[in-house]
């Protein structure tokens, strides 16, 4: 298969609801900020990253991946384009995402303590504990290169920043991987989200301390 040079761009929007406005009115605009697509600024290759120990070769074609998990609602939108063709949108590619819940647990490993750092990032290095599938799903890019997922804002676990894993594959052909990577969130946004009752208080404290240390360096 001829390798494609692809670039992923994304929009993150936290969806407002009544209890959300009650505790975070002053930060509502921050959490609803749209990260828009600008081909002149962003048309470049997305770096590859490891899939991590919680990767599963699982295809659940669905847009809504929450599965009753609690957290701040998140609408995430991916756009896949071909860098070698002036950022032309690429259709019929399969975008697969997975991430932890608000408490730092992954489906399939729901009984792993998120406060203990995993010593290996290799696939299969941590034995699975269950057959749950929350916060995992796949979508096929449309003619404009877009896919959309309705999920929750991820928490984080020991040793890792807040992130969402994704793969892009030739899902209508041989399911060969085109790209494996991760996307991350602005720390100011993380701090505001983690003030919510859905996220452990110690996570917010850890973020604030980390930000203070980085600011002083």
N, C-alpha and C. Protein backbone atom coordinates (compact mmCIF):
# COMPACT_ATOMS: atom_id res chain seq x y z
N UNK A 1 0.83 -1.19 0.00
CA UNK A 1 0.00 0.00 0.00
C UNK A 1 0.87 1.24 0.00
N UNK A 2 0.61 2.15 -0.90
CA UNK A 2 1.37 3.40 -0.96
C UNK A 2 1.07 4.23 0.28
N UNK A 3 2.11 4.63 0.98
CA UNK A 3 1.91 5.37 2.22
C UNK A 3 1.34 6.75 1.94
N UNK A 4 0.36 7.17 2.75
CA UNK A 4 -0.23 8.50 2.62
C UNK A 4 0.30 9.39 3.73
N UNK A 5 0.58 10.65 3.38
CA UNK A 5 0.99 11.61 4.38
C UNK A 5 -0.27 12.35 4.80
N UNK A 6 -0.71 12.09 6.03
CA UNK A 6 -1.99 12.60 6.48
C UNK A 6 -1.82 13.59 7.62
N UNK A 7 -2.76 14.48 7.73
CA UNK A 7 -2.76 15.40 8.85
C UNK A 7 -4.13 15.41 9.50
N UNK A 8 -4.14 15.34 10.82
CA UNK A 8 -5.38 15.38 11.58
C UNK A 8 -5.55 16.76 12.19
N UNK A 9 -6.74 17.31 12.09
CA UNK A 9 -7.06 18.56 12.76
C UNK A 9 -8.36 18.35 13.50
N UNK A 10 -8.60 19.10 14.56
CA UNK A 10 -9.75 18.79 15.38
C UNK A 10 -10.40 20.01 16.00
N UNK A 11 -11.67 19.86 16.32
CA UNK A 11 -12.43 20.86 17.05
C UNK A 11 -12.87 20.22 18.35
N UNK A 12 -12.69 20.92 19.45
CA UNK A 12 -13.15 20.42 20.73
C UNK A 12 -14.17 21.39 21.29
N UNK A 13 -15.35 20.90 21.63
CA UNK A 13 -16.38 21.76 22.18
C UNK A 13 -17.06 21.06 23.33
N UNK A 14 -17.03 21.66 24.50
CA UNK A 14 -17.78 21.13 25.63
C UNK A 14 -19.21 21.65 25.51
N UNK A 15 -20.18 20.75 25.57
CA UNK A 15 -21.58 21.12 25.38
C UNK A 15 -22.16 21.59 26.70
N UNK A 16 -22.78 22.74 26.68
CA UNK A 16 -23.35 23.30 27.90
C UNK A 16 -24.62 22.57 28.32
N UNK A 17 -24.86 22.48 29.62
CA UNK A 17 -26.10 21.96 30.15
C UNK A 17 -26.31 22.60 31.52
N UNK A 18 -27.44 22.43 32.12
CA UNK A 18 -27.81 23.22 33.29
C UNK A 18 -26.81 23.15 34.44
N UNK A 19 -26.40 21.95 34.86
CA UNK A 19 -25.48 21.83 35.98
C UNK A 19 -24.10 22.38 35.62
N UNK A 20 -23.77 22.33 34.34
CA UNK A 20 -22.49 22.86 33.86
C UNK A 20 -22.44 24.37 34.11
N UNK A 21 -23.49 25.08 33.72
CA UNK A 21 -23.51 26.53 33.88
C UNK A 21 -23.51 26.92 35.35
N UNK A 22 -24.05 26.11 36.20
CA UNK A 22 -24.17 26.44 37.62
C UNK A 22 -22.82 26.58 38.30
N UNK A 23 -21.84 25.79 37.90
CA UNK A 23 -20.57 25.83 38.64
C UNK A 23 -19.44 26.50 37.88
N UNK A 24 -19.63 26.81 36.61
CA UNK A 24 -18.49 27.29 35.84
C UNK A 24 -18.88 28.41 34.86
N UNK A 25 -19.75 29.30 35.29
CA UNK A 25 -20.22 30.38 34.43
C UNK A 25 -19.07 31.20 33.86
N UNK A 26 -18.10 31.53 34.69
CA UNK A 26 -17.01 32.39 34.25
C UNK A 26 -16.10 31.73 33.23
N UNK A 27 -16.13 30.41 33.17
CA UNK A 27 -15.23 29.69 32.28
C UNK A 27 -15.97 29.08 31.08
N UNK A 28 -17.24 29.39 30.97
CA UNK A 28 -18.05 28.79 29.91
C UNK A 28 -17.48 29.08 28.52
N UNK A 29 -17.04 30.32 28.32
CA UNK A 29 -16.50 30.69 27.02
C UNK A 29 -15.22 29.92 26.70
N UNK A 30 -14.39 29.68 27.73
CA UNK A 30 -13.15 28.94 27.54
C UNK A 30 -13.44 27.51 27.10
N UNK A 31 -14.37 26.87 27.77
CA UNK A 31 -14.66 25.47 27.47
C UNK A 31 -15.42 25.29 26.17
N UNK A 32 -16.06 26.33 25.69
CA UNK A 32 -16.79 26.23 24.44
C UNK A 32 -16.02 26.82 23.27
N UNK A 33 -14.73 27.04 23.47
CA UNK A 33 -13.90 27.59 22.41
C UNK A 33 -13.78 26.57 21.28
N UNK A 34 -13.96 27.03 20.05
CA UNK A 34 -13.81 26.17 18.88
C UNK A 34 -12.39 26.26 18.34
N UNK A 35 -11.77 25.13 18.14
CA UNK A 35 -10.46 25.07 17.50
C UNK A 35 -10.71 24.77 16.03
N UNK A 36 -10.70 25.82 15.20
CA UNK A 36 -11.17 25.68 13.83
C UNK A 36 -10.06 25.25 12.88
N UNK A 37 -10.47 24.87 11.68
CA UNK A 37 -9.55 24.35 10.68
C UNK A 37 -9.01 25.48 9.81
N UNK A 38 -7.72 25.57 9.70
CA UNK A 38 -7.07 26.57 8.87
C UNK A 38 -5.97 25.86 8.09
N UNK A 39 -6.25 25.53 6.82
CA UNK A 39 -5.31 24.73 6.03
C UNK A 39 -3.96 25.42 5.85
N UNK A 40 -3.94 26.73 5.78
CA UNK A 40 -2.67 27.44 5.61
C UNK A 40 -1.78 27.30 6.83
N UNK A 41 -2.41 27.22 8.02
CA UNK A 41 -1.65 27.14 9.26
C UNK A 41 -1.33 25.70 9.66
N UNK A 42 -2.26 24.79 9.39
CA UNK A 42 -2.14 23.45 9.94
C UNK A 42 -1.81 22.35 8.94
N UNK A 43 -1.60 22.67 7.70
CA UNK A 43 -1.38 21.64 6.69
C UNK A 43 0.04 21.09 6.80
N UNK A 44 0.22 20.13 7.67
CA UNK A 44 1.49 19.46 7.85
C UNK A 44 1.24 18.09 8.45
N UNK A 45 2.24 17.26 8.39
CA UNK A 45 2.09 15.87 8.83
C UNK A 45 1.93 15.78 10.34
N UNK A 46 1.00 14.95 10.78
CA UNK A 46 0.80 14.71 12.21
C UNK A 46 1.82 13.68 12.70
N UNK A 47 2.52 13.95 13.81
CA UNK A 47 3.52 13.01 14.30
C UNK A 47 2.91 11.71 14.82
N UNK A 48 3.62 10.63 14.61
CA UNK A 48 3.18 9.34 15.14
C UNK A 48 3.52 9.23 16.62
N UNK A 49 2.67 8.51 17.35
CA UNK A 49 2.93 8.22 18.76
C UNK A 49 2.50 6.79 19.05
N UNK A 50 2.88 6.30 20.22
CA UNK A 50 2.58 4.92 20.57
C UNK A 50 1.10 4.73 20.89
N UNK A 51 0.55 3.56 20.62
CA UNK A 51 -0.85 3.30 20.95
C UNK A 51 -1.08 3.08 22.44
N UNK A 52 -0.03 2.73 23.18
CA UNK A 52 -0.15 2.54 24.63
C UNK A 52 -0.67 1.16 25.01
N UNK A 53 -0.65 0.86 26.32
CA UNK A 53 -1.01 -0.48 26.79
C UNK A 53 -2.50 -0.78 26.74
N UNK A 54 -3.35 0.24 26.55
CA UNK A 54 -4.80 0.03 26.59
C UNK A 54 -5.43 0.00 25.20
N UNK A 55 -4.60 -0.21 24.20
CA UNK A 55 -5.11 -0.35 22.83
C UNK A 55 -5.79 -1.70 22.65
N UNK A 56 -6.91 -1.69 21.93
CA UNK A 56 -7.60 -2.94 21.57
C UNK A 56 -7.93 -2.90 20.09
N UNK A 57 -7.69 -4.01 19.41
CA UNK A 57 -8.03 -4.12 17.99
C UNK A 57 -9.52 -4.38 17.87
N UNK A 58 -10.29 -3.30 18.12
CA UNK A 58 -11.73 -3.42 18.24
C UNK A 58 -12.38 -2.37 17.34
N UNK A 59 -13.34 -2.79 16.52
CA UNK A 59 -14.04 -1.86 15.65
C UNK A 59 -15.50 -1.76 16.08
N UNK A 60 -15.83 -0.66 16.76
CA UNK A 60 -17.20 -0.36 17.15
C UNK A 60 -17.62 0.87 16.37
N UNK A 61 -18.35 0.66 15.28
CA UNK A 61 -18.73 1.79 14.43
C UNK A 61 -19.89 2.51 15.09
N UNK A 62 -19.57 3.65 15.68
CA UNK A 62 -20.58 4.44 16.37
C UNK A 62 -20.03 5.84 16.64
N UNK A 63 -20.94 6.78 16.69
CA UNK A 63 -20.55 8.16 16.97
C UNK A 63 -20.62 8.46 18.46
N UNK A 64 -21.64 7.94 19.13
CA UNK A 64 -21.85 8.19 20.56
C UNK A 64 -21.15 7.09 21.35
N UNK A 65 -20.12 7.45 22.11
CA UNK A 65 -19.30 6.41 22.76
C UNK A 65 -19.31 6.50 24.28
N UNK A 66 -20.21 7.31 24.86
CA UNK A 66 -20.17 7.57 26.30
C UNK A 66 -20.50 6.33 27.13
N UNK A 67 -21.54 5.58 26.73
CA UNK A 67 -21.94 4.38 27.48
C UNK A 67 -22.16 4.63 28.96
N UNK A 68 -22.92 5.67 29.29
CA UNK A 68 -23.31 5.99 30.68
C UNK A 68 -22.17 6.48 31.57
N UNK A 69 -21.01 6.75 31.00
CA UNK A 69 -19.91 7.32 31.79
C UNK A 69 -20.21 8.78 32.12
N UNK A 70 -19.87 9.20 33.34
CA UNK A 70 -20.15 10.56 33.76
C UNK A 70 -18.95 11.47 33.50
N UNK A 71 -19.23 12.71 33.10
CA UNK A 71 -18.18 13.67 32.85
C UNK A 71 -18.72 14.84 32.04
N UNK A 72 -17.88 15.84 31.79
CA UNK A 72 -18.29 16.98 30.98
C UNK A 72 -18.44 16.51 29.53
N UNK A 73 -19.62 16.71 28.92
CA UNK A 73 -19.82 16.27 27.53
C UNK A 73 -18.83 16.94 26.57
N UNK A 74 -18.39 16.19 25.58
CA UNK A 74 -17.41 16.68 24.63
C UNK A 74 -17.79 16.23 23.23
N UNK A 75 -17.90 17.19 22.32
CA UNK A 75 -18.08 16.87 20.91
C UNK A 75 -16.73 17.07 20.24
N UNK A 76 -16.20 16.02 19.67
CA UNK A 76 -14.88 16.11 19.04
C UNK A 76 -15.00 15.79 17.56
N UNK A 77 -14.32 16.59 16.76
CA UNK A 77 -14.46 16.51 15.30
C UNK A 77 -13.06 16.41 14.68
N UNK A 78 -12.83 15.36 13.91
CA UNK A 78 -11.56 15.15 13.23
C UNK A 78 -11.72 15.47 11.75
N UNK A 79 -10.65 16.01 11.16
CA UNK A 79 -10.60 16.15 9.71
C UNK A 79 -9.30 15.54 9.22
N UNK A 80 -9.39 14.66 8.25
CA UNK A 80 -8.22 13.99 7.69
C UNK A 80 -7.99 14.50 6.28
N UNK A 81 -6.78 14.98 6.01
CA UNK A 81 -6.44 15.51 4.69
C UNK A 81 -5.12 14.92 4.22
N UNK A 82 -4.88 15.00 2.93
CA UNK A 82 -3.64 14.51 2.32
C UNK A 82 -2.70 15.70 2.13
N UNK A 83 -1.61 15.72 2.90
CA UNK A 83 -0.66 16.84 2.85
C UNK A 83 -0.01 16.94 1.48
N UNK A 84 0.23 15.82 0.85
CA UNK A 84 0.92 15.82 -0.45
C UNK A 84 0.04 16.33 -1.58
N UNK A 85 -1.26 16.53 -1.29
CA UNK A 85 -2.19 17.00 -2.32
C UNK A 85 -2.89 18.28 -1.85
N UNK A 86 -2.10 19.20 -1.31
CA UNK A 86 -2.61 20.50 -0.86
C UNK A 86 -3.76 20.38 0.13
N UNK A 87 -3.61 19.45 1.04
CA UNK A 87 -4.60 19.24 2.11
C UNK A 87 -5.98 18.84 1.58
N UNK A 88 -5.99 18.06 0.52
CA UNK A 88 -7.25 17.56 -0.01
C UNK A 88 -7.87 16.57 0.98
N UNK A 89 -9.15 16.72 1.32
CA UNK A 89 -9.81 15.80 2.26
C UNK A 89 -9.74 14.35 1.77
N UNK A 90 -9.60 13.43 2.71
CA UNK A 90 -9.52 12.00 2.38
C UNK A 90 -10.77 11.31 2.94
N UNK A 91 -11.55 10.70 2.08
CA UNK A 91 -12.76 10.02 2.53
C UNK A 91 -12.52 8.52 2.68
N UNK A 92 -13.45 7.87 3.38
CA UNK A 92 -13.45 6.42 3.56
C UNK A 92 -12.23 5.89 4.31
N UNK A 93 -11.71 6.70 5.23
CA UNK A 93 -10.72 6.21 6.17
C UNK A 93 -11.39 6.03 7.52
N UNK A 94 -10.94 5.04 8.27
CA UNK A 94 -11.56 4.73 9.55
C UNK A 94 -10.77 5.38 10.68
N UNK A 95 -11.42 6.30 11.40
CA UNK A 95 -10.81 6.95 12.57
C UNK A 95 -11.33 6.25 13.82
N UNK A 96 -10.42 5.70 14.59
CA UNK A 96 -10.76 4.96 15.80
C UNK A 96 -10.19 5.71 17.00
N UNK A 97 -11.01 5.99 18.01
CA UNK A 97 -10.52 6.70 19.19
C UNK A 97 -10.80 5.90 20.46
N UNK A 98 -9.99 6.13 21.47
CA UNK A 98 -10.24 5.56 22.80
C UNK A 98 -9.55 6.43 23.84
N UNK A 99 -10.17 6.52 25.01
CA UNK A 99 -9.58 7.31 26.09
C UNK A 99 -10.17 6.88 27.43
N UNK A 100 -9.58 7.35 28.49
CA UNK A 100 -10.04 6.98 29.83
C UNK A 100 -11.27 7.80 30.23
N UNK A 101 -11.96 7.34 31.27
CA UNK A 101 -13.12 8.08 31.77
C UNK A 101 -12.68 9.19 32.73
N UNK A 102 -13.62 9.82 33.39
CA UNK A 102 -13.30 10.97 34.24
C UNK A 102 -12.40 10.59 35.42
N UNK A 103 -12.40 9.33 35.80
CA UNK A 103 -11.60 8.88 36.94
C UNK A 103 -10.28 8.25 36.52
N UNK A 104 -10.02 8.18 35.21
CA UNK A 104 -8.75 7.64 34.74
C UNK A 104 -8.78 6.17 34.36
N UNK A 105 -9.98 5.57 34.28
CA UNK A 105 -10.11 4.15 33.93
C UNK A 105 -10.39 3.96 32.44
N UNK A 106 -9.79 2.92 31.85
CA UNK A 106 -10.07 2.52 30.48
C UNK A 106 -10.99 1.31 30.47
N UNK A 107 -11.91 1.26 29.51
CA UNK A 107 -12.71 0.05 29.36
C UNK A 107 -11.78 -1.09 28.95
N UNK A 108 -12.06 -2.26 29.50
CA UNK A 108 -11.17 -3.41 29.30
C UNK A 108 -10.14 -3.52 30.40
N UNK A 109 -9.89 -2.38 31.06
CA UNK A 109 -8.95 -2.32 32.19
C UNK A 109 -9.57 -1.49 33.32
N UNK A 110 -10.87 -1.63 33.48
CA UNK A 110 -11.61 -0.79 34.41
C UNK A 110 -11.18 -0.99 35.87
N UNK A 111 -10.58 -2.14 36.17
CA UNK A 111 -10.20 -2.42 37.56
C UNK A 111 -8.73 -2.15 37.85
N UNK A 112 -8.05 -1.51 36.90
CA UNK A 112 -6.67 -1.08 37.13
C UNK A 112 -6.69 0.24 37.90
N UNK A 113 -5.87 0.36 38.93
CA UNK A 113 -5.81 1.57 39.75
C UNK A 113 -5.15 2.70 38.95
N UNK A 114 -5.89 3.77 38.63
CA UNK A 114 -5.32 4.86 37.82
C UNK A 114 -4.28 5.70 38.56
N UNK A 115 -4.17 5.49 39.86
CA UNK A 115 -3.19 6.24 40.65
C UNK A 115 -1.82 5.57 40.67
N UNK A 116 -1.72 4.38 40.08
CA UNK A 116 -0.45 3.67 40.01
C UNK A 116 0.07 3.72 38.58
N UNK A 117 1.28 4.20 38.41
CA UNK A 117 1.83 4.37 37.08
C UNK A 117 2.15 3.03 36.43
N UNK A 118 1.70 2.85 35.19
CA UNK A 118 2.00 1.64 34.43
C UNK A 118 3.45 1.71 33.97
N UNK A 119 4.20 0.63 34.17
CA UNK A 119 5.63 0.64 33.91
C UNK A 119 5.99 0.35 32.46
N UNK A 120 5.01 0.01 31.64
CA UNK A 120 5.29 -0.28 30.24
C UNK A 120 4.18 0.29 29.36
N UNK A 121 4.55 0.82 28.19
CA UNK A 121 3.57 1.32 27.23
C UNK A 121 3.29 0.33 26.11
N UNK A 122 3.86 -0.87 26.21
CA UNK A 122 3.70 -1.87 25.15
C UNK A 122 2.27 -2.40 25.12
N UNK A 123 1.77 -2.66 23.91
CA UNK A 123 0.44 -3.26 23.76
C UNK A 123 0.41 -4.62 24.45
N UNK A 124 -0.61 -4.86 25.25
CA UNK A 124 -0.74 -6.14 25.92
C UNK A 124 0.11 -6.28 27.16
N UNK A 125 0.81 -5.22 27.55
CA UNK A 125 1.70 -5.31 28.72
C UNK A 125 0.92 -5.34 30.02
N UNK A 126 -0.33 -4.89 29.98
CA UNK A 126 -1.18 -4.90 31.17
C UNK A 126 -2.36 -5.83 30.90
N UNK A 127 -2.51 -6.92 31.66
CA UNK A 127 -3.60 -7.87 31.43
C UNK A 127 -4.97 -7.20 31.57
N UNK A 128 -5.89 -7.52 30.67
CA UNK A 128 -7.23 -6.96 30.74
C UNK A 128 -7.99 -7.50 31.93
N UNK A 129 -8.92 -6.68 32.43
CA UNK A 129 -9.70 -7.06 33.61
C UNK A 129 -11.18 -7.26 33.33
N UNK A 130 -11.66 -6.85 32.14
CA UNK A 130 -13.09 -6.91 31.87
C UNK A 130 -13.34 -6.79 30.36
N UNK A 131 -14.61 -6.89 29.97
CA UNK A 131 -14.99 -6.81 28.55
C UNK A 131 -15.80 -5.55 28.24
N UNK A 132 -15.66 -4.52 29.05
CA UNK A 132 -16.40 -3.28 28.81
C UNK A 132 -15.84 -2.54 27.60
N UNK A 133 -16.67 -1.69 26.98
CA UNK A 133 -16.27 -0.99 25.75
C UNK A 133 -16.51 0.52 25.81
N UNK A 134 -16.71 1.07 27.00
CA UNK A 134 -17.01 2.49 27.05
C UNK A 134 -15.85 3.35 26.53
N UNK A 135 -16.22 4.48 25.94
CA UNK A 135 -15.28 5.49 25.42
C UNK A 135 -14.33 4.92 24.35
N UNK A 136 -14.90 4.06 23.51
CA UNK A 136 -14.20 3.52 22.35
C UNK A 136 -15.16 3.55 21.17
N UNK A 137 -14.66 3.93 20.00
CA UNK A 137 -15.52 3.93 18.83
C UNK A 137 -14.78 4.29 17.56
N UNK A 138 -15.41 4.00 16.43
CA UNK A 138 -14.83 4.27 15.11
C UNK A 138 -15.87 4.92 14.21
N UNK A 139 -15.38 5.77 13.31
CA UNK A 139 -16.23 6.40 12.31
C UNK A 139 -15.47 6.47 10.99
N UNK A 140 -16.21 6.48 9.89
CA UNK A 140 -15.65 6.56 8.56
C UNK A 140 -15.66 8.01 8.10
N UNK A 141 -14.52 8.52 7.59
CA UNK A 141 -14.48 9.90 7.12
C UNK A 141 -15.42 10.10 5.94
N UNK A 142 -16.11 11.26 5.95
CA UNK A 142 -17.03 11.57 4.86
C UNK A 142 -16.28 12.23 3.70
N UNK A 143 -17.01 12.75 2.72
CA UNK A 143 -16.38 13.33 1.54
C UNK A 143 -15.56 14.57 1.85
N UNK A 144 -15.81 15.17 3.00
CA UNK A 144 -15.02 16.34 3.43
C UNK A 144 -13.89 15.97 4.37
N UNK A 145 -13.71 14.66 4.61
CA UNK A 145 -12.64 14.19 5.49
C UNK A 145 -12.98 14.21 6.96
N UNK A 146 -14.25 14.44 7.31
CA UNK A 146 -14.65 14.60 8.70
C UNK A 146 -15.21 13.34 9.34
N UNK A 147 -14.96 13.22 10.64
CA UNK A 147 -15.71 12.30 11.51
C UNK A 147 -16.02 13.06 12.78
N UNK A 148 -17.06 12.63 13.49
CA UNK A 148 -17.46 13.30 14.72
C UNK A 148 -17.75 12.26 15.78
N UNK A 149 -17.40 12.59 17.03
CA UNK A 149 -17.68 11.70 18.15
C UNK A 149 -18.31 12.51 19.29
N UNK A 150 -19.29 11.91 19.94
CA UNK A 150 -19.86 12.48 21.15
C UNK A 150 -19.34 11.66 22.32
N UNK A 151 -18.61 12.32 23.21
CA UNK A 151 -17.96 11.60 24.30
C UNK A 151 -17.95 12.49 25.54
N UNK A 152 -17.05 12.23 26.48
CA UNK A 152 -16.86 13.10 27.63
C UNK A 152 -15.40 13.55 27.66
N UNK A 153 -15.17 14.63 28.34
CA UNK A 153 -13.81 15.13 28.50
C UNK A 153 -13.03 14.10 29.32
N UNK A 154 -11.89 13.63 28.82
CA UNK A 154 -11.16 12.58 29.54
C UNK A 154 -10.51 13.08 30.82
N UNK A 155 -10.42 12.17 31.79
CA UNK A 155 -9.61 12.45 32.97
C UNK A 155 -8.17 12.08 32.64
N UNK A 156 -7.36 11.86 33.66
CA UNK A 156 -6.01 11.35 33.38
C UNK A 156 -5.57 10.45 34.51
N UNK A 157 -4.49 9.74 34.27
CA UNK A 157 -4.02 8.77 35.24
C UNK A 157 -2.53 8.99 35.47
N UNK A 158 -1.98 8.30 36.44
CA UNK A 158 -0.60 8.53 36.87
C UNK A 158 0.38 8.44 35.72
N UNK A 159 1.24 9.46 35.62
CA UNK A 159 2.31 9.45 34.64
C UNK A 159 1.94 10.01 33.28
N UNK A 160 0.68 10.41 33.06
CA UNK A 160 0.25 10.86 31.75
C UNK A 160 -0.50 12.18 31.81
N UNK A 161 -0.35 12.98 30.75
CA UNK A 161 -1.15 14.18 30.58
C UNK A 161 -2.52 13.78 30.02
N UNK A 162 -3.46 14.69 30.06
CA UNK A 162 -4.79 14.44 29.50
C UNK A 162 -4.68 14.23 28.00
N UNK A 163 -5.24 13.13 27.49
CA UNK A 163 -5.08 12.82 26.07
C UNK A 163 -6.17 11.89 25.56
N UNK A 164 -6.27 11.83 24.24
CA UNK A 164 -7.14 10.88 23.54
C UNK A 164 -6.29 10.17 22.49
N UNK A 165 -6.36 8.85 22.48
CA UNK A 165 -5.65 8.05 21.48
C UNK A 165 -6.48 7.96 20.21
N UNK A 166 -5.82 7.83 19.07
CA UNK A 166 -6.54 7.57 17.84
C UNK A 166 -5.66 6.83 16.84
N UNK A 167 -6.32 6.07 15.99
CA UNK A 167 -5.66 5.45 14.84
C UNK A 167 -6.47 5.82 13.60
N UNK A 168 -5.79 5.84 12.45
CA UNK A 168 -6.46 6.01 11.17
C UNK A 168 -6.05 4.82 10.31
N UNK A 169 -7.04 4.11 9.78
CA UNK A 169 -6.76 2.90 9.01
C UNK A 169 -7.50 2.91 7.68
N UNK A 170 -7.01 2.06 6.77
CA UNK A 170 -7.69 1.83 5.49
C UNK A 170 -8.80 0.82 5.73
N UNK A 171 -9.85 1.25 6.38
CA UNK A 171 -10.84 0.29 6.88
C UNK A 171 -11.68 -0.37 5.80
N UNK A 172 -11.75 0.21 4.62
CA UNK A 172 -12.52 -0.42 3.55
C UNK A 172 -11.65 -1.28 2.65
N UNK A 173 -10.34 -1.32 2.96
CA UNK A 173 -9.44 -2.12 2.14
C UNK A 173 -8.85 -3.24 3.00
N UNK A 174 -7.59 -3.11 3.40
CA UNK A 174 -6.93 -4.17 4.16
C UNK A 174 -6.78 -3.83 5.63
N UNK A 175 -7.41 -2.73 6.09
CA UNK A 175 -7.34 -2.28 7.47
C UNK A 175 -5.90 -2.04 7.92
N UNK A 176 -5.06 -1.62 6.98
CA UNK A 176 -3.69 -1.29 7.34
C UNK A 176 -3.65 0.07 8.03
N UNK A 177 -2.79 0.19 9.04
CA UNK A 177 -2.69 1.44 9.78
C UNK A 177 -2.00 2.50 8.93
N UNK A 178 -2.60 3.69 8.87
CA UNK A 178 -2.00 4.82 8.20
C UNK A 178 -1.32 5.72 9.23
N UNK A 179 -1.95 5.85 10.39
CA UNK A 179 -1.41 6.72 11.43
C UNK A 179 -1.88 6.28 12.80
N UNK A 180 -0.98 6.30 13.79
CA UNK A 180 -1.30 6.09 15.20
C UNK A 180 -0.77 7.30 15.94
N UNK A 181 -1.61 7.96 16.72
CA UNK A 181 -1.15 9.15 17.42
C UNK A 181 -2.04 9.46 18.61
N UNK A 182 -1.83 10.61 19.22
CA UNK A 182 -2.60 11.06 20.38
C UNK A 182 -2.82 12.56 20.24
N UNK A 183 -3.93 13.05 20.81
CA UNK A 183 -4.12 14.49 20.89
C UNK A 183 -4.24 14.89 22.35
N UNK A 184 -3.82 16.12 22.64
CA UNK A 184 -3.74 16.62 24.01
C UNK A 184 -4.57 17.88 24.16
N UNK A 185 -4.82 18.27 25.40
CA UNK A 185 -5.68 19.40 25.70
C UNK A 185 -4.90 20.50 26.42
N UNK A 186 -5.28 21.77 26.21
CA UNK A 186 -4.62 22.88 26.90
C UNK A 186 -4.77 22.75 28.41
N UNK A 187 -3.70 23.00 29.15
CA UNK A 187 -3.74 22.83 30.60
C UNK A 187 -4.75 23.76 31.26
N UNK A 188 -4.91 24.98 30.76
CA UNK A 188 -5.90 25.88 31.35
C UNK A 188 -7.31 25.31 31.22
N UNK A 189 -7.57 24.66 30.11
CA UNK A 189 -8.86 24.03 29.91
C UNK A 189 -9.02 22.83 30.84
N UNK A 190 -7.95 22.05 30.99
CA UNK A 190 -8.01 20.90 31.90
C UNK A 190 -8.35 21.34 33.32
N UNK A 191 -7.70 22.39 33.78
CA UNK A 191 -7.93 22.87 35.14
C UNK A 191 -9.38 23.27 35.34
N UNK A 192 -9.97 23.97 34.36
CA UNK A 192 -11.37 24.38 34.49
C UNK A 192 -12.30 23.18 34.50
N UNK A 193 -12.04 22.21 33.62
CA UNK A 193 -12.89 21.02 33.55
C UNK A 193 -12.81 20.22 34.84
N UNK A 194 -11.61 20.09 35.40
CA UNK A 194 -11.43 19.23 36.57
C UNK A 194 -11.95 19.85 37.86
N UNK A 195 -12.53 21.04 37.77
CA UNK A 195 -13.24 21.61 38.91
C UNK A 195 -14.62 20.96 39.07
N UNK A 196 -15.04 20.24 38.03
CA UNK A 196 -16.32 19.57 38.05
C UNK A 196 -16.34 18.42 39.06
N UNK A 197 -17.52 18.14 39.58
CA UNK A 197 -17.68 17.06 40.56
C UNK A 197 -17.38 15.69 39.96
N UNK A 198 -17.37 15.58 38.63
CA UNK A 198 -17.15 14.29 38.00
C UNK A 198 -15.70 13.84 38.02
N UNK A 199 -14.78 14.76 38.29
CA UNK A 199 -13.35 14.45 38.22
C UNK A 199 -12.75 14.49 39.62
N UNK A 200 -11.89 13.51 39.97
CA UNK A 200 -11.31 13.45 41.31
C UNK A 200 -10.58 14.73 41.70
N UNK A 201 -10.79 15.18 42.92
CA UNK A 201 -10.20 16.44 43.39
C UNK A 201 -8.69 16.41 43.33
N UNK A 202 -8.09 15.25 43.55
CA UNK A 202 -6.63 15.17 43.54
C UNK A 202 -6.06 15.43 42.15
N UNK A 203 -6.86 15.20 41.08
CA UNK A 203 -6.39 15.48 39.74
C UNK A 203 -6.24 16.99 39.54
N UNK A 204 -7.20 17.74 40.04
CA UNK A 204 -7.14 19.20 39.92
C UNK A 204 -5.95 19.74 40.69
N UNK A 205 -5.75 19.22 41.90
CA UNK A 205 -4.61 19.65 42.71
C UNK A 205 -3.29 19.37 42.01
N UNK A 206 -3.19 18.19 41.42
CA UNK A 206 -1.96 17.81 40.71
C UNK A 206 -1.69 18.74 39.53
N UNK A 207 -2.73 19.09 38.79
CA UNK A 207 -2.57 19.98 37.65
C UNK A 207 -2.11 21.37 38.08
N UNK A 208 -2.71 21.88 39.14
CA UNK A 208 -2.36 23.23 39.62
C UNK A 208 -0.91 23.27 40.09
N UNK A 209 -0.49 22.24 40.81
CA UNK A 209 0.90 22.18 41.28
C UNK A 209 1.85 22.09 40.11
N UNK A 210 1.51 21.27 39.14
CA UNK A 210 2.36 21.11 37.96
C UNK A 210 2.48 22.42 37.19
N UNK A 211 1.38 23.14 37.07
CA UNK A 211 1.41 24.41 36.36
C UNK A 211 2.29 25.43 37.10
N UNK A 212 2.22 25.42 38.43
CA UNK A 212 3.03 26.33 39.23
C UNK A 212 4.52 26.04 39.03
N UNK A 213 4.86 24.76 39.00
CA UNK A 213 6.27 24.37 38.83
C UNK A 213 6.77 24.79 37.45
N UNK A 214 5.95 24.53 36.43
CA UNK A 214 6.36 24.87 35.05
C UNK A 214 6.49 26.39 34.89
N UNK A 215 5.60 27.14 35.53
CA UNK A 215 5.65 28.60 35.44
C UNK A 215 6.91 29.17 36.05
N UNK A 216 7.42 28.53 37.11
CA UNK A 216 8.61 29.02 37.80
C UNK A 216 9.89 28.67 37.05
N UNK A 217 9.84 27.60 36.25
CA UNK A 217 11.06 27.15 35.55
C UNK A 217 11.48 28.15 34.48
